[in-house]
Amino acid sequence: MEKSNKFLKVTGVLMIIGGSFGLIGSIFLFLFGVLLTVGALLNPAPGVDQAVEIIGTGIGIAIAGAIIQFVAGIAGVKNAKNPEKANFCIALGSLTALFYIASQILTYVGGASRTFLDYIIVMVGLVVPALYIVGAVQLKMRDED
């Protein structure tokens, strides 16, 4: 019986937790987007259409990213003993990081002000997917030995 990659398993659990919080947050974002859209329809104002589009795109990215993160976490926990699934885990971890980066870019483009703490939070948000990818690479290297 092969030994489980604990690093991938632990980061997988963290990804499941992060994805769960992301999905909950996305539900609130979706509700906010619905309210904003209804408000824009009832009381049109200049520039509101663009704001609704940006928020809608952000909500879509947030939902997709949270789902991918959640699925990546499950895949990491489930396949921590299976080196054949390492490439799949690497791909999911990479997608999670890309969606996180896209979300942050959209937040910046949307005009949200940034503080030094915000940049630290962005970096911390990339740490778990990066460590997840490291765990998946370790699992892959075990298969090559």
N, C-alpha and C. Protein backbone atom coordinates (compact mmCIF):
# COMPACT_ATOMS: atom_id res chain seq x y z
N MET A 1 0.84 -1.18 0.00
CA MET A 1 0.00 0.00 0.00
C MET A 1 0.88 1.24 0.00
N GLU A 2 0.56 2.16 -0.89
CA GLU A 2 1.37 3.37 -1.00
C GLU A 2 1.07 4.33 0.13
N LYS A 3 2.10 5.08 0.48
CA LYS A 3 1.97 6.08 1.53
C LYS A 3 1.27 7.32 1.00
N SER A 4 0.39 7.90 1.81
CA SER A 4 -0.36 9.08 1.43
C SER A 4 0.54 10.32 1.49
N ASN A 5 0.33 11.23 0.56
CA ASN A 5 1.04 12.50 0.55
C ASN A 5 0.29 13.45 1.49
N LYS A 6 0.79 13.56 2.72
CA LYS A 6 0.10 14.36 3.74
C LYS A 6 0.08 15.84 3.37
N PHE A 7 1.10 16.32 2.69
CA PHE A 7 1.17 17.72 2.30
C PHE A 7 0.02 18.06 1.35
N LEU A 8 -0.21 17.19 0.37
CA LEU A 8 -1.31 17.39 -0.57
C LEU A 8 -2.65 17.25 0.14
N LYS A 9 -2.74 16.32 1.06
CA LYS A 9 -4.00 16.10 1.77
C LYS A 9 -4.35 17.31 2.64
N VAL A 10 -3.38 17.86 3.37
CA VAL A 10 -3.62 19.02 4.24
C VAL A 10 -3.99 20.24 3.41
N THR A 11 -3.24 20.50 2.34
CA THR A 11 -3.57 21.65 1.50
C THR A 11 -4.90 21.42 0.79
N GLY A 12 -5.23 20.16 0.50
CA GLY A 12 -6.53 19.85 -0.08
C GLY A 12 -7.66 20.21 0.87
N VAL A 13 -7.48 19.89 2.16
CA VAL A 13 -8.49 20.27 3.16
C VAL A 13 -8.61 21.78 3.24
N LEU A 14 -7.49 22.49 3.21
CA LEU A 14 -7.53 23.96 3.23
C LEU A 14 -8.24 24.51 1.99
N MET A 15 -8.04 23.86 0.85
CA MET A 15 -8.72 24.28 -0.38
C MET A 15 -10.23 24.04 -0.27
N ILE A 16 -10.63 22.92 0.35
CA ILE A 16 -12.06 22.65 0.55
C ILE A 16 -12.67 23.74 1.43
N ILE A 17 -11.98 24.08 2.50
CA ILE A 17 -12.47 25.13 3.41
C ILE A 17 -12.55 26.47 2.67
N GLY A 18 -11.50 26.83 1.96
CA GLY A 18 -11.49 28.08 1.20
C GLY A 18 -12.57 28.11 0.13
N GLY A 19 -12.75 26.99 -0.57
CA GLY A 19 -13.78 26.92 -1.60
C GLY A 19 -15.18 27.04 -1.00
N SER A 20 -15.37 26.45 0.18
CA SER A 20 -16.68 26.55 0.86
C SER A 20 -16.98 27.99 1.23
N PHE A 21 -16.00 28.67 1.82
CA PHE A 21 -16.20 30.08 2.16
C PHE A 21 -16.41 30.92 0.89
N GLY A 22 -15.68 30.57 -0.16
CA GLY A 22 -15.84 31.28 -1.43
C GLY A 22 -17.23 31.11 -2.01
N LEU A 23 -17.78 29.90 -1.91
CA LEU A 23 -19.14 29.67 -2.41
C LEU A 23 -20.16 30.44 -1.59
N ILE A 24 -19.99 30.45 -0.28
CA ILE A 24 -20.92 31.21 0.58
C ILE A 24 -20.82 32.70 0.24
N GLY A 25 -19.61 33.20 0.11
CA GLY A 25 -19.43 34.60 -0.26
C GLY A 25 -20.00 34.90 -1.63
N SER A 26 -19.88 33.96 -2.56
CA SER A 26 -20.41 34.15 -3.91
C SER A 26 -21.93 34.23 -3.91
N ILE A 27 -22.55 33.48 -3.02
CA ILE A 27 -24.02 33.55 -2.91
C ILE A 27 -24.43 34.96 -2.48
N PHE A 28 -23.71 35.52 -1.51
CA PHE A 28 -24.01 36.90 -1.09
C PHE A 28 -23.72 37.90 -2.21
N LEU A 29 -22.63 37.68 -2.94
CA LEU A 29 -22.33 38.55 -4.08
C LEU A 29 -23.43 38.47 -5.13
N PHE A 30 -23.91 37.26 -5.38
CA PHE A 30 -24.97 37.07 -6.36
C PHE A 30 -26.23 37.84 -5.94
N LEU A 31 -26.60 37.71 -4.66
CA LEU A 31 -27.78 38.43 -4.16
C LEU A 31 -27.59 39.94 -4.27
N PHE A 32 -26.39 40.42 -3.97
CA PHE A 32 -26.08 41.84 -4.13
C PHE A 32 -26.21 42.26 -5.59
N GLY A 33 -25.71 41.42 -6.49
CA GLY A 33 -25.81 41.71 -7.92
C GLY A 33 -27.24 41.78 -8.40
N VAL A 34 -28.09 40.88 -7.88
CA VAL A 34 -29.50 40.92 -8.24
C VAL A 34 -30.14 42.21 -7.75
N LEU A 35 -29.85 42.59 -6.51
CA LEU A 35 -30.40 43.84 -5.98
C LEU A 35 -29.92 45.05 -6.78
N LEU A 36 -28.64 45.05 -7.14
CA LEU A 36 -28.10 46.16 -7.92
C LEU A 36 -28.75 46.23 -9.30
N THR A 37 -28.96 45.08 -9.91
CA THR A 37 -29.59 45.05 -11.22
C THR A 37 -31.03 45.54 -11.16
N VAL A 38 -31.77 45.09 -10.15
CA VAL A 38 -33.15 45.55 -9.97
C VAL A 38 -33.16 47.07 -9.73
N GLY A 39 -32.26 47.54 -8.90
CA GLY A 39 -32.18 48.98 -8.65
C GLY A 39 -31.84 49.75 -9.91
N ALA A 40 -30.96 49.20 -10.75
CA ALA A 40 -30.58 49.87 -12.00
C ALA A 40 -31.76 49.90 -12.97
N LEU A 41 -32.57 48.85 -12.96
CA LEU A 41 -33.74 48.83 -13.85
C LEU A 41 -34.81 49.81 -13.39
N LEU A 42 -34.96 49.92 -12.07
CA LEU A 42 -36.00 50.81 -11.54
C LEU A 42 -35.60 52.28 -11.58
N ASN A 43 -34.31 52.54 -11.46
CA ASN A 43 -33.83 53.91 -11.40
C ASN A 43 -32.55 54.03 -12.22
N PRO A 44 -32.66 54.06 -13.54
CA PRO A 44 -31.46 54.11 -14.38
C PRO A 44 -30.64 55.38 -14.13
N ALA A 45 -29.35 55.21 -14.09
CA ALA A 45 -28.44 56.34 -13.91
C ALA A 45 -27.22 56.12 -14.81
N PRO A 46 -26.55 57.19 -15.19
CA PRO A 46 -25.37 57.04 -16.05
C PRO A 46 -24.29 56.19 -15.37
N GLY A 47 -23.73 55.26 -16.12
CA GLY A 47 -22.63 54.45 -15.62
C GLY A 47 -23.04 53.22 -14.83
N VAL A 48 -24.32 53.10 -14.49
CA VAL A 48 -24.76 51.95 -13.69
C VAL A 48 -24.67 50.66 -14.50
N ASP A 49 -24.95 50.75 -15.80
CA ASP A 49 -24.86 49.55 -16.65
C ASP A 49 -23.46 48.96 -16.63
N GLN A 50 -22.45 49.81 -16.69
CA GLN A 50 -21.07 49.34 -16.65
C GLN A 50 -20.75 48.71 -15.30
N ALA A 51 -21.22 49.31 -14.23
CA ALA A 51 -20.98 48.76 -12.89
C ALA A 51 -21.63 47.40 -12.76
N VAL A 52 -22.85 47.26 -13.28
CA VAL A 52 -23.56 45.97 -13.22
C VAL A 52 -22.79 44.92 -14.01
N GLU A 53 -22.25 45.29 -15.17
CA GLU A 53 -21.48 44.34 -15.97
C GLU A 53 -20.21 43.90 -15.24
N ILE A 54 -19.50 44.84 -14.65
CA ILE A 54 -18.27 44.50 -13.92
C ILE A 54 -18.59 43.60 -12.73
N ILE A 55 -19.63 43.96 -12.00
CA ILE A 55 -20.01 43.14 -10.83
C ILE A 55 -20.47 41.76 -11.28
N GLY A 56 -21.23 41.70 -12.37
CA GLY A 56 -21.68 40.40 -12.88
C GLY A 56 -20.51 39.52 -13.29
N THR A 57 -19.54 40.11 -13.96
CA THR A 57 -18.34 39.36 -14.35
C THR A 57 -17.59 38.89 -13.12
N GLY A 58 -17.46 39.77 -12.14
CA GLY A 58 -16.77 39.40 -10.90
C GLY A 58 -17.47 38.28 -10.17
N ILE A 59 -18.79 38.32 -10.15
CA ILE A 59 -19.56 37.26 -9.49
C ILE A 59 -19.34 35.94 -10.22
N GLY A 60 -19.35 35.98 -11.54
CA GLY A 60 -19.11 34.75 -12.31
C GLY A 60 -17.73 34.17 -12.04
N ILE A 61 -16.73 35.03 -12.01
CA ILE A 61 -15.37 34.57 -11.72
C ILE A 61 -15.27 34.03 -10.30
N ALA A 62 -15.92 34.70 -9.35
CA ALA A 62 -15.88 34.25 -7.96
C ALA A 62 -16.53 32.88 -7.80
N ILE A 63 -17.68 32.69 -8.43
CA ILE A 63 -18.37 31.40 -8.33
C ILE A 63 -17.54 30.30 -8.98
N ALA A 64 -17.05 30.56 -10.20
CA ALA A 64 -16.25 29.55 -10.89
C ALA A 64 -14.98 29.22 -10.11
N GLY A 65 -14.32 30.25 -9.60
CA GLY A 65 -13.09 30.03 -8.83
C GLY A 65 -13.34 29.24 -7.56
N ALA A 66 -14.44 29.54 -6.87
CA ALA A 66 -14.75 28.82 -5.64
C ALA A 66 -15.07 27.36 -5.93
N ILE A 67 -15.79 27.11 -7.01
CA ILE A 67 -16.12 25.72 -7.37
C ILE A 67 -14.84 24.96 -7.74
N ILE A 68 -13.98 25.59 -8.53
CA ILE A 68 -12.72 24.94 -8.91
C ILE A 68 -11.87 24.67 -7.68
N GLN A 69 -11.80 25.64 -6.75
CA GLN A 69 -11.02 25.45 -5.53
C GLN A 69 -11.58 24.30 -4.70
N PHE A 70 -12.89 24.24 -4.58
CA PHE A 70 -13.54 23.18 -3.82
C PHE A 70 -13.26 21.81 -4.45
N VAL A 71 -13.42 21.73 -5.77
CA VAL A 71 -13.15 20.47 -6.49
C VAL A 71 -11.68 20.08 -6.37
N ALA A 72 -10.79 21.07 -6.46
CA ALA A 72 -9.36 20.80 -6.32
C ALA A 72 -9.06 20.24 -4.93
N GLY A 73 -9.69 20.80 -3.92
CA GLY A 73 -9.48 20.30 -2.56
C GLY A 73 -9.92 18.85 -2.42
N ILE A 74 -11.09 18.55 -2.95
CA ILE A 74 -11.58 17.17 -2.89
C ILE A 74 -10.65 16.24 -3.65
N ALA A 75 -10.21 16.67 -4.83
CA ALA A 75 -9.30 15.84 -5.63
C ALA A 75 -7.98 15.61 -4.89
N GLY A 76 -7.48 16.63 -4.20
CA GLY A 76 -6.23 16.48 -3.46
C GLY A 76 -6.36 15.50 -2.30
N VAL A 77 -7.46 15.60 -1.56
CA VAL A 77 -7.67 14.69 -0.44
C VAL A 77 -7.89 13.27 -0.95
N LYS A 78 -8.71 13.14 -1.98
CA LYS A 78 -9.07 11.82 -2.51
C LYS A 78 -7.88 11.12 -3.17
N ASN A 79 -7.03 11.89 -3.84
CA ASN A 79 -5.95 11.29 -4.64
C ASN A 79 -4.57 11.45 -4.02
N ALA A 80 -4.50 11.72 -2.73
CA ALA A 80 -3.20 11.91 -2.08
C ALA A 80 -2.33 10.66 -2.12
N LYS A 81 -2.92 9.52 -2.41
CA LYS A 81 -2.16 8.26 -2.52
C LYS A 81 -1.96 7.84 -3.97
N ASN A 82 -2.50 8.57 -4.90
CA ASN A 82 -2.53 8.15 -6.30
C ASN A 82 -1.67 9.06 -7.18
N PRO A 83 -0.41 8.68 -7.41
CA PRO A 83 0.47 9.52 -8.23
C PRO A 83 -0.03 9.73 -9.66
N GLU A 84 -0.88 8.83 -10.14
CA GLU A 84 -1.39 8.96 -11.51
C GLU A 84 -2.30 10.18 -11.66
N LYS A 85 -2.85 10.67 -10.56
CA LYS A 85 -3.75 11.83 -10.60
C LYS A 85 -3.02 13.14 -10.27
N ALA A 86 -1.71 13.10 -10.16
CA ALA A 86 -0.94 14.29 -9.79
C ALA A 86 -1.10 15.41 -10.82
N ASN A 87 -1.05 15.08 -12.11
CA ASN A 87 -1.19 16.11 -13.14
C ASN A 87 -2.56 16.78 -13.07
N PHE A 88 -3.60 16.00 -12.78
CA PHE A 88 -4.94 16.55 -12.62
C PHE A 88 -4.96 17.54 -11.46
N CYS A 89 -4.33 17.17 -10.36
CA CYS A 89 -4.27 18.07 -9.19
C CYS A 89 -3.46 19.32 -9.49
N ILE A 90 -2.38 19.18 -10.23
CA ILE A 90 -1.57 20.34 -10.62
C ILE A 90 -2.40 21.29 -11.48
N ALA A 91 -3.16 20.74 -12.42
CA ALA A 91 -4.01 21.57 -13.28
C ALA A 91 -5.08 22.30 -12.46
N LEU A 92 -5.72 21.59 -11.53
CA LEU A 92 -6.75 22.24 -10.71
C LEU A 92 -6.15 23.31 -9.80
N GLY A 93 -5.00 23.05 -9.23
CA GLY A 93 -4.33 24.05 -8.40
C GLY A 93 -3.94 25.28 -9.21
N SER A 94 -3.49 25.07 -10.43
CA SER A 94 -3.13 26.18 -11.30
C SER A 94 -4.36 27.00 -11.69
N LEU A 95 -5.46 26.32 -11.99
CA LEU A 95 -6.70 27.02 -12.32
C LEU A 95 -7.20 27.83 -11.14
N THR A 96 -7.08 27.27 -9.94
CA THR A 96 -7.50 28.00 -8.73
C THR A 96 -6.70 29.29 -8.60
N ALA A 97 -5.39 29.19 -8.77
CA ALA A 97 -4.55 30.39 -8.67
C ALA A 97 -4.88 31.40 -9.77
N LEU A 98 -5.11 30.93 -10.99
CA LEU A 98 -5.45 31.84 -12.09
C LEU A 98 -6.78 32.55 -11.85
N PHE A 99 -7.77 31.84 -11.35
CA PHE A 99 -9.05 32.48 -11.06
C PHE A 99 -8.91 33.49 -9.92
N TYR A 100 -8.07 33.18 -8.95
CA TYR A 100 -7.84 34.12 -7.85
C TYR A 100 -7.19 35.39 -8.38
N ILE A 101 -6.20 35.23 -9.24
CA ILE A 101 -5.52 36.39 -9.81
C ILE A 101 -6.49 37.21 -10.67
N ALA A 102 -7.31 36.52 -11.48
CA ALA A 102 -8.30 37.22 -12.31
C ALA A 102 -9.28 38.00 -11.44
N SER A 103 -9.69 37.41 -10.35
CA SER A 103 -10.61 38.08 -9.43
C SER A 103 -9.98 39.34 -8.85
N GLN A 104 -8.72 39.26 -8.48
CA GLN A 104 -8.03 40.41 -7.91
C GLN A 104 -7.82 41.51 -8.94
N ILE A 105 -7.53 41.12 -10.18
CA ILE A 105 -7.37 42.10 -11.26
C ILE A 105 -8.69 42.82 -11.49
N LEU A 106 -9.78 42.06 -11.53
CA LEU A 106 -11.10 42.66 -11.74
C LEU A 106 -11.46 43.60 -10.60
N THR A 107 -11.11 43.23 -9.38
CA THR A 107 -11.35 44.11 -8.24
C THR A 107 -10.59 45.42 -8.41
N TYR A 108 -9.36 45.33 -8.85
CA TYR A 108 -8.54 46.51 -9.06
C TYR A 108 -9.10 47.38 -10.18
N VAL A 109 -9.47 46.74 -11.30
CA VAL A 109 -10.02 47.47 -12.45
C VAL A 109 -11.36 48.10 -12.07
N GLY A 110 -12.11 47.43 -11.21
CA GLY A 110 -13.40 47.94 -10.78
C GLY A 110 -13.30 49.17 -9.90
N GLY A 111 -12.10 49.54 -9.52
CA GLY A 111 -11.92 50.79 -8.79
C GLY A 111 -11.82 50.64 -7.28
N ALA A 112 -11.73 49.43 -6.78
CA ALA A 112 -11.59 49.26 -5.33
C ALA A 112 -10.25 49.81 -4.89
N SER A 113 -10.27 50.58 -3.81
CA SER A 113 -9.01 51.13 -3.31
C SER A 113 -8.22 50.02 -2.63
N ARG A 114 -6.92 50.12 -2.70
CA ARG A 114 -6.02 49.11 -2.15
C ARG A 114 -5.14 49.72 -1.08
N THR A 115 -4.95 48.96 -0.02
CA THR A 115 -4.01 49.33 1.03
C THR A 115 -2.91 48.29 1.05
N PHE A 116 -1.90 48.55 1.83
CA PHE A 116 -0.80 47.59 1.96
C PHE A 116 -1.31 46.25 2.47
N LEU A 117 -2.26 46.28 3.39
CA LEU A 117 -2.84 45.05 3.93
C LEU A 117 -3.55 44.25 2.85
N ASP A 118 -4.20 44.93 1.92
CA ASP A 118 -4.87 44.24 0.82
C ASP A 118 -3.87 43.44 -0.02
N TYR A 119 -2.70 44.01 -0.26
CA TYR A 119 -1.68 43.31 -1.04
C TYR A 119 -1.16 42.09 -0.28
N ILE A 120 -1.04 42.20 1.02
CA ILE A 120 -0.62 41.04 1.82
C ILE A 120 -1.68 39.95 1.77
N ILE A 121 -2.95 40.33 1.84
CA ILE A 121 -4.04 39.36 1.77
C ILE A 121 -4.03 38.66 0.41
N VAL A 122 -3.76 39.39 -0.65
CA VAL A 122 -3.68 38.78 -1.98
C VAL A 122 -2.57 37.74 -2.02
N MET A 123 -1.42 38.08 -1.46
CA MET A 123 -0.30 37.14 -1.46
C MET A 123 -0.62 35.89 -0.63
N VAL A 124 -1.24 36.08 0.52
CA VAL A 124 -1.63 34.94 1.36
C VAL A 124 -2.64 34.08 0.62
N GLY A 125 -3.54 34.72 -0.13
CA GLY A 125 -4.54 33.98 -0.89
C GLY A 125 -3.93 33.10 -1.97
N LEU A 126 -2.75 33.43 -2.41
CA LEU A 126 -2.06 32.61 -3.41
C LEU A 126 -1.20 31.53 -2.79
N VAL A 127 -0.94 31.62 -1.49
CA VAL A 127 -0.05 30.66 -0.84
C VAL A 127 -0.65 29.25 -0.83
N VAL A 128 -1.92 29.12 -0.47
CA VAL A 128 -2.53 27.78 -0.38
C VAL A 128 -2.55 27.09 -1.74
N PRO A 129 -3.02 27.73 -2.81
CA PRO A 129 -2.93 27.04 -4.11
C PRO A 129 -1.49 26.69 -4.51
N ALA A 130 -0.54 27.59 -4.18
CA ALA A 130 0.86 27.30 -4.51
C ALA A 130 1.36 26.08 -3.74
N LEU A 131 1.04 26.01 -2.45
CA LEU A 131 1.45 24.86 -1.65
C LEU A 131 0.75 23.58 -2.11
N TYR A 132 -0.50 23.71 -2.53
CA TYR A 132 -1.24 22.58 -3.08
C TYR A 132 -0.52 22.03 -4.32
N ILE A 133 -0.09 22.95 -5.19
CA ILE A 133 0.64 22.54 -6.39
C ILE A 133 1.95 21.86 -6.02
N VAL A 134 2.64 22.38 -5.01
CA VAL A 134 3.89 21.75 -4.54
C VAL A 134 3.60 20.33 -4.07
N GLY A 135 2.52 20.14 -3.31
CA GLY A 135 2.16 18.79 -2.86
C GLY A 135 1.85 17.87 -4.02
N ALA A 136 1.17 18.38 -5.05
CA ALA A 136 0.85 17.56 -6.23
C ALA A 136 2.12 17.21 -7.00
N VAL A 137 3.06 18.15 -7.09
CA VAL A 137 4.34 17.88 -7.77
C VAL A 137 5.12 16.82 -6.99
N GLN A 138 5.10 16.90 -5.66
CA GLN A 138 5.76 15.86 -4.85
C GLN A 138 5.14 14.49 -5.13
N LEU A 139 3.83 14.45 -5.24
CA LEU A 139 3.14 13.20 -5.53
C LEU A 139 3.55 12.68 -6.91
N LYS A 140 3.65 13.56 -7.87
CA LYS A 140 4.07 13.18 -9.23
C LYS A 140 5.50 12.64 -9.23
N MET A 141 6.36 13.30 -8.46
CA MET A 141 7.77 12.87 -8.41
C MET A 141 7.90 11.49 -7.76
N ARG A 142 7.00 11.19 -6.84
CA ARG A 142 7.02 9.87 -6.21
C ARG A 142 6.75 8.80 -7.26
N ASP A 143 5.88 9.10 -8.23
CA ASP A 143 5.55 8.15 -9.29
C ASP A 143 6.73 7.91 -10.20
N GLU A 144 7.59 8.94 -10.37
CA GLU A 144 8.73 8.84 -11.26
C GLU A 144 9.90 8.11 -10.63
N ASP A 145 9.88 7.98 -9.30
CA ASP A 145 10.99 7.28 -8.62
C ASP A 145 10.96 5.79 -8.81
